[in-house]
Amino acid sequence: DKGRTVYRDPKEFFALTYPTFNLREMVKDILLRLAGKNDKAVRQLELTYGGGKTHSLITLYHLVSAPDHLPDLPAVHEFRQHAGGMVPPKARVVVLAFDKLDVEKGMEVRAPDGGTRWLRHPWSVLAFQIAGADGLRLLHADGKDAERESPPAENLVRELLEWPQKEGLATLVLMDEVLMYAREKLGLDPAWRHRLQDFFQYLTQAATKVDRACVVASLLATDPRKSDELGKEIVQELYAIFRREKEEGIQPVEKQDVAEVLRRR
């Protein structure tokens, strides 16, 4: 699928990327945060014209997962220039793609050493991507290499987010389609309403306390069927959590950018 390779290959991706002013601003803030130079630890992407959110998350992914191997392209230079000419800090990037996390079976997750495993809960997916089996042990009450059923408390999440610093890395957590998952999960079991609220609460609080950690989330579902009454309530609850950490919503693509963005696609 051609669309997928464009997203996977930084050269193809940045060749087609139009760095809107808002996108450059967002990238600058997040790069500075990952370098330990500001306190903007939690960012939430508003649903935008022409999408923009997935593109923004992939931009961040490429810029910090292999900053030494970025393609020599105008878009890359624009992002770097806007951030004061800095080389993006290298980060361990965790991707919580909630549209891929099956509410019953979970998803296959890759550890930093390349090993993979099927995991069911969002905090397990986070832990395994950060530190593999050690991440699961850190969260488990008996130190077992297994999943726990409830969201881990803030101090444990904080320890997890600090883990990559042992290797001199920052920590970037990217989340997409949160509502889609939350709405399905609550349909199965209403107890998940508080579990998910607690998880996001602890995660955002922990991120503000770890110097070089940043959480970037796109909450809204692109599937309008998820925005029924309960869906709308969930969104309001999630917004409240993300806003609590002095978070600002960002629109990476504004109306006046749309023509140029579409032209490049």
Protein backbone atom coordinates (compact mmCIF):
# COMPACT_ATOMS: atom_id res chain seq x y z
CA ASP A 1 0.00 0.00 0.00
CA LYS A 2 1.69 3.16 -1.25
CA GLY A 3 0.16 5.36 1.46
CA ARG A 4 1.72 3.24 4.19
CA THR A 5 5.24 3.32 2.73
CA VAL A 6 5.09 7.11 2.55
CA TYR A 7 4.47 7.14 6.28
CA ARG A 8 7.21 4.60 7.01
CA ASP A 9 9.97 6.15 4.91
CA PRO A 10 11.10 9.52 6.33
CA LYS A 11 12.44 10.60 2.93
CA GLU A 12 9.12 10.10 1.15
CA PHE A 13 7.21 11.45 4.12
CA PHE A 14 9.12 14.74 4.48
CA ALA A 15 9.16 15.23 0.71
CA LEU A 16 5.36 15.49 0.93
CA THR A 17 5.13 17.36 4.23
CA TYR A 18 4.07 20.98 4.30
CA PRO A 19 5.31 22.47 7.59
CA THR A 20 2.41 24.78 8.47
CA PHE A 21 3.23 27.47 11.03
CA ASN A 22 1.21 25.67 13.72
CA LEU A 23 2.91 22.37 12.97
CA ARG A 24 6.35 24.02 13.22
CA GLU A 25 5.33 25.65 16.52
CA MET A 26 4.14 22.33 17.90
CA VAL A 27 7.32 20.56 16.78
CA LYS A 28 9.46 23.30 18.33
CA ASP A 29 7.67 23.05 21.70
CA ILE A 30 7.95 19.27 21.76
CA LEU A 31 11.61 19.17 20.70
CA LEU A 32 12.44 21.69 23.43
CA ARG A 33 10.47 19.63 25.94
CA LEU A 34 12.36 16.46 24.94
CA ALA A 35 15.60 18.40 25.33
CA GLY A 36 14.52 19.36 28.87
CA LYS A 37 14.09 23.04 27.99
CA ASN A 38 10.40 23.74 28.68
CA ASP A 39 7.51 22.47 30.79
CA LYS A 40 5.01 21.69 28.03
CA ALA A 41 4.70 18.01 28.85
CA VAL A 42 1.19 17.30 27.59
CA ARG A 43 -0.18 18.27 24.19
CA GLN A 44 -3.54 17.45 22.72
CA LEU A 45 -4.23 17.66 18.99
CA GLU A 46 -7.58 19.11 18.01
CA LEU A 47 -9.33 17.45 15.09
CA THR A 48 -8.41 19.59 12.14
CA TYR A 49 -9.17 20.48 8.56
CA GLY A 50 -7.80 17.86 6.21
CA GLY A 51 -7.01 15.60 9.16
CA GLY A 52 -3.53 16.81 10.06
CA LYS A 53 -3.40 14.85 13.30
CA THR A 54 -1.94 11.57 12.07
CA HIS A 55 0.48 13.52 9.88
CA SER A 56 1.57 15.54 12.92
CA LEU A 57 2.16 12.42 15.00
CA ILE A 58 4.22 10.83 12.21
CA THR A 59 6.25 14.04 11.80
CA LEU A 60 7.21 13.84 15.48
CA TYR A 61 7.91 10.13 15.24
CA HIS A 62 10.41 10.55 12.41
CA LEU A 63 12.11 13.65 13.81
CA VAL A 64 13.07 12.09 17.14
CA SER A 65 13.27 8.33 16.58
CA ALA A 66 16.36 8.62 14.33
CA PRO A 67 17.46 12.28 14.38
CA ASP A 68 20.97 11.42 13.08
CA HIS A 69 19.54 9.93 9.88
CA LEU A 70 17.05 12.59 8.84
CA PRO A 71 16.82 13.21 5.09
CA ASP A 72 18.35 16.40 3.72
CA LEU A 73 15.06 18.00 2.67
CA PRO A 74 13.52 21.51 2.94
CA ALA A 75 10.76 20.41 5.33
CA VAL A 76 13.29 18.92 7.76
CA HIS A 77 15.37 22.13 7.63
CA GLU A 78 12.26 24.22 8.28
CA PHE A 79 11.38 22.21 11.38
CA ARG A 80 14.93 22.43 12.70
CA GLN A 81 15.31 26.11 11.90
CA HIS A 82 12.05 26.94 13.63
CA ALA A 83 13.30 25.11 16.73
CA GLY A 84 16.42 27.29 16.81
CA GLY A 85 18.54 25.09 14.55
CA MET A 86 18.78 22.25 17.06
CA VAL A 87 19.33 18.63 16.13
CA PRO A 88 16.18 16.93 17.47
CA PRO A 89 16.82 15.05 20.73
CA LYS A 90 16.82 11.28 20.30
CA ALA A 91 13.84 9.74 22.04
CA ARG A 92 12.28 6.40 22.72
CA VAL A 93 8.96 6.80 20.95
CA VAL A 94 5.93 4.92 22.23
CA VAL A 95 2.94 4.70 19.91
CA LEU A 96 -0.47 3.98 21.41
CA ALA A 97 -2.57 3.60 18.26
CA PHE A 98 -5.88 2.93 19.96
CA ASP A 99 -7.66 2.08 16.71
CA LYS A 100 -5.31 -0.94 16.45
CA LEU A 101 -5.77 -2.04 20.09
CA ASP A 102 -8.53 -4.63 19.99
CA VAL A 103 -10.74 -4.27 23.06
CA GLU A 104 -10.61 -8.02 23.75
CA LYS A 105 -7.39 -9.36 22.24
CA GLY A 106 -5.17 -6.29 22.47
CA MET A 107 -2.37 -5.88 19.94
CA GLU A 108 1.09 -7.10 19.03
CA VAL A 109 3.67 -4.80 20.58
CA ARG A 110 7.38 -4.41 19.85
CA ALA A 111 9.98 -3.96 22.60
CA PRO A 112 13.13 -1.82 22.18
CA ASP A 113 15.16 -5.00 21.57
CA GLY A 114 12.83 -6.00 18.71
CA GLY A 115 11.01 -8.78 20.53
CA THR A 116 7.22 -8.80 20.09
CA ARG A 117 4.29 -9.91 22.18
CA TRP A 118 0.50 -9.64 22.32
CA LEU A 119 -0.72 -7.38 25.15
CA ARG A 120 -4.22 -6.27 26.13
CA HIS A 121 -4.06 -3.17 28.30
CA PRO A 122 -2.88 0.32 27.28
CA TRP A 123 -0.44 0.55 30.22
CA SER A 124 1.11 -2.79 29.21
CA VAL A 125 1.53 -1.54 25.64
CA LEU A 126 3.23 1.58 27.02
CA ALA A 127 5.50 -0.38 29.39
CA PHE A 128 6.58 -2.98 26.83
CA GLN A 129 7.50 -0.36 24.22
CA ILE A 130 9.56 1.53 26.79
CA ALA A 131 11.38 -1.32 28.49
CA GLY A 132 10.21 -4.69 27.16
CA ALA A 133 9.57 -7.39 29.78
CA ASP A 134 11.31 -5.21 32.41
CA GLY A 135 8.59 -2.62 31.87
CA LEU A 136 5.89 -5.19 32.63
CA ARG A 137 7.82 -6.34 35.72
CA LEU A 138 8.10 -2.76 36.94
CA LEU A 139 4.30 -2.41 36.90
CA HIS A 140 3.43 -5.88 38.22
CA ALA A 141 2.71 -6.27 41.96
CA ASP A 142 4.83 -9.45 42.19
CA GLY A 143 7.45 -8.26 39.71
CA LYS A 144 6.23 -10.82 37.16
CA ASP A 145 6.69 -10.49 33.43
CA ALA A 146 2.89 -10.32 33.02
CA GLU A 147 0.08 -7.80 32.64
CA ARG A 148 -1.65 -6.13 35.56
CA GLU A 149 -5.39 -5.52 35.40
CA SER A 150 -5.64 -2.00 36.85
CA PRO A 151 -3.97 1.26 35.78
CA PRO A 152 -0.60 1.75 37.51
CA ALA A 153 -0.28 4.68 39.93
CA GLU A 154 1.48 7.88 38.98
CA ASN A 155 4.77 7.03 40.72
CA LEU A 156 5.08 3.78 38.72
CA VAL A 157 4.25 5.52 35.45
CA ARG A 158 6.82 8.16 36.31
CA GLU A 159 9.49 5.50 36.85
CA LEU A 160 8.53 4.00 33.50
CA LEU A 161 8.79 7.35 31.66
CA GLU A 162 12.22 7.93 33.22
CA TRP A 163 13.52 4.53 32.08
CA PRO A 164 14.88 5.64 28.65
CA GLN A 165 17.07 8.24 30.40
CA LYS A 166 19.35 5.36 31.43
CA GLU A 167 20.28 5.21 27.74
CA GLY A 168 20.42 8.99 27.39
CA LEU A 169 17.08 9.07 25.58
CA ALA A 170 14.04 11.30 26.00
CA THR A 171 10.55 9.73 26.10
CA LEU A 172 7.80 10.62 23.64
CA VAL A 173 4.34 9.04 23.94
CA LEU A 174 2.07 9.44 20.88
CA MET A 175 -1.60 8.50 21.19
CA ASP A 176 -4.18 8.38 18.42
CA GLU A 177 -7.92 7.58 18.26
CA VAL A 178 -8.33 7.46 22.04
CA LEU A 179 -12.11 7.92 21.95
CA MET A 180 -12.61 5.05 19.51
CA TYR A 181 -11.09 2.62 22.01
CA ALA A 182 -12.67 4.18 25.11
CA ARG A 183 -16.15 4.05 23.59
CA GLU A 184 -15.81 0.35 22.63
CA LYS A 185 -14.24 -0.62 25.95
CA LEU A 186 -17.05 1.01 27.94
CA GLY A 187 -19.57 -0.81 25.78
CA LEU A 188 -18.06 -4.08 27.02
CA ASP A 189 -17.61 -3.06 30.66
CA PRO A 190 -18.66 0.27 32.24
CA ALA A 191 -15.93 -0.13 34.92
CA TRP A 192 -13.45 0.90 32.22
CA ARG A 193 -14.74 4.46 32.34
CA HIS A 194 -12.84 5.09 35.58
CA ARG A 195 -9.93 2.81 34.67
CA LEU A 196 -9.20 4.81 31.54
CA GLN A 197 -9.71 8.13 33.28
CA ASP A 198 -7.24 7.05 35.97
CA PHE A 199 -4.73 5.81 33.39
CA PHE A 200 -4.73 9.11 31.47
CA GLN A 201 -4.71 11.08 34.71
CA TYR A 202 -1.64 9.23 36.04
CA LEU A 203 0.11 9.30 32.66
CA THR A 204 -0.30 13.06 32.15
CA GLN A 205 0.67 13.85 35.76
CA ALA A 206 3.75 11.64 35.53
CA ALA A 207 4.81 13.24 32.24
CA THR A 208 4.87 16.71 33.82
CA LYS A 209 7.31 15.39 36.45
CA VAL A 210 9.81 13.77 34.10
CA ASP A 211 12.14 16.31 32.57
CA ARG A 212 12.43 15.00 29.05
CA ALA A 213 9.05 13.31 28.65
CA CYS A 214 6.15 14.44 26.50
CA VAL A 215 2.70 13.01 25.80
CA VAL A 216 0.95 14.02 22.56
CA ALA A 217 -2.60 12.80 22.13
CA SER A 218 -5.32 12.92 19.54
CA LEU A 219 -8.48 12.17 21.46
CA LEU A 220 -11.32 12.46 18.99
CA ALA A 221 -12.44 9.56 16.84
CA THR A 222 -12.55 9.99 13.08
CA ASP A 223 -15.49 7.56 13.09
CA PRO A 224 -18.56 9.76 13.77
CA ARG A 225 -20.49 6.77 15.14
CA LYS A 226 -18.28 6.87 18.22
CA SER A 227 -19.58 10.37 18.99
CA ASP A 228 -22.95 9.34 20.40
CA GLU A 229 -24.08 10.75 23.77
CA LEU A 230 -21.76 8.50 25.77
CA GLY A 231 -18.94 9.22 23.33
CA LYS A 232 -19.41 12.97 23.85
CA GLU A 233 -19.34 12.53 27.63
CA ILE A 234 -16.13 10.49 27.42
CA VAL A 235 -14.51 13.16 25.27
CA GLN A 236 -15.41 15.89 27.77
CA GLU A 237 -13.95 13.80 30.60
CA LEU A 238 -10.73 13.19 28.65
CA TYR A 239 -10.43 16.85 27.67
CA ALA A 240 -10.76 17.80 31.33
CA ILE A 241 -7.87 15.48 32.24
CA PHE A 242 -5.58 16.72 29.47
CA ARG A 243 -6.41 20.37 30.18
CA ARG A 244 -5.56 19.95 33.85
CA GLU A 245 -1.87 19.77 33.02
CA LYS A 246 -1.80 23.31 31.56
CA GLU A 247 -2.12 21.64 28.18
CA GLU A 248 -2.97 23.69 25.10
CA GLY A 249 -4.94 22.21 22.22
CA ILE A 250 -3.15 22.57 18.89
CA GLN A 251 -4.59 22.70 15.39
CA PRO A 252 -1.66 21.64 13.19
CA VAL A 253 -3.54 22.55 10.00
CA GLU A 254 -5.72 25.64 9.77
CA LYS A 255 -8.22 26.58 7.10
CA GLN A 256 -5.78 28.70 5.10
CA ASP A 257 -3.28 25.79 4.94
CA VAL A 258 -5.64 23.25 3.43
CA ALA A 259 -5.05 23.93 -0.27
CA GLU A 260 -1.27 23.61 0.10
CA VAL A 261 -1.52 20.47 2.23
CA LEU A 262 -3.82 18.78 -0.29
CA ARG A 263 -1.66 19.88 -3.21
CA ARG A 264 1.31 18.10 -1.66
CA ARG A 265 -0.60 14.90 -1.08
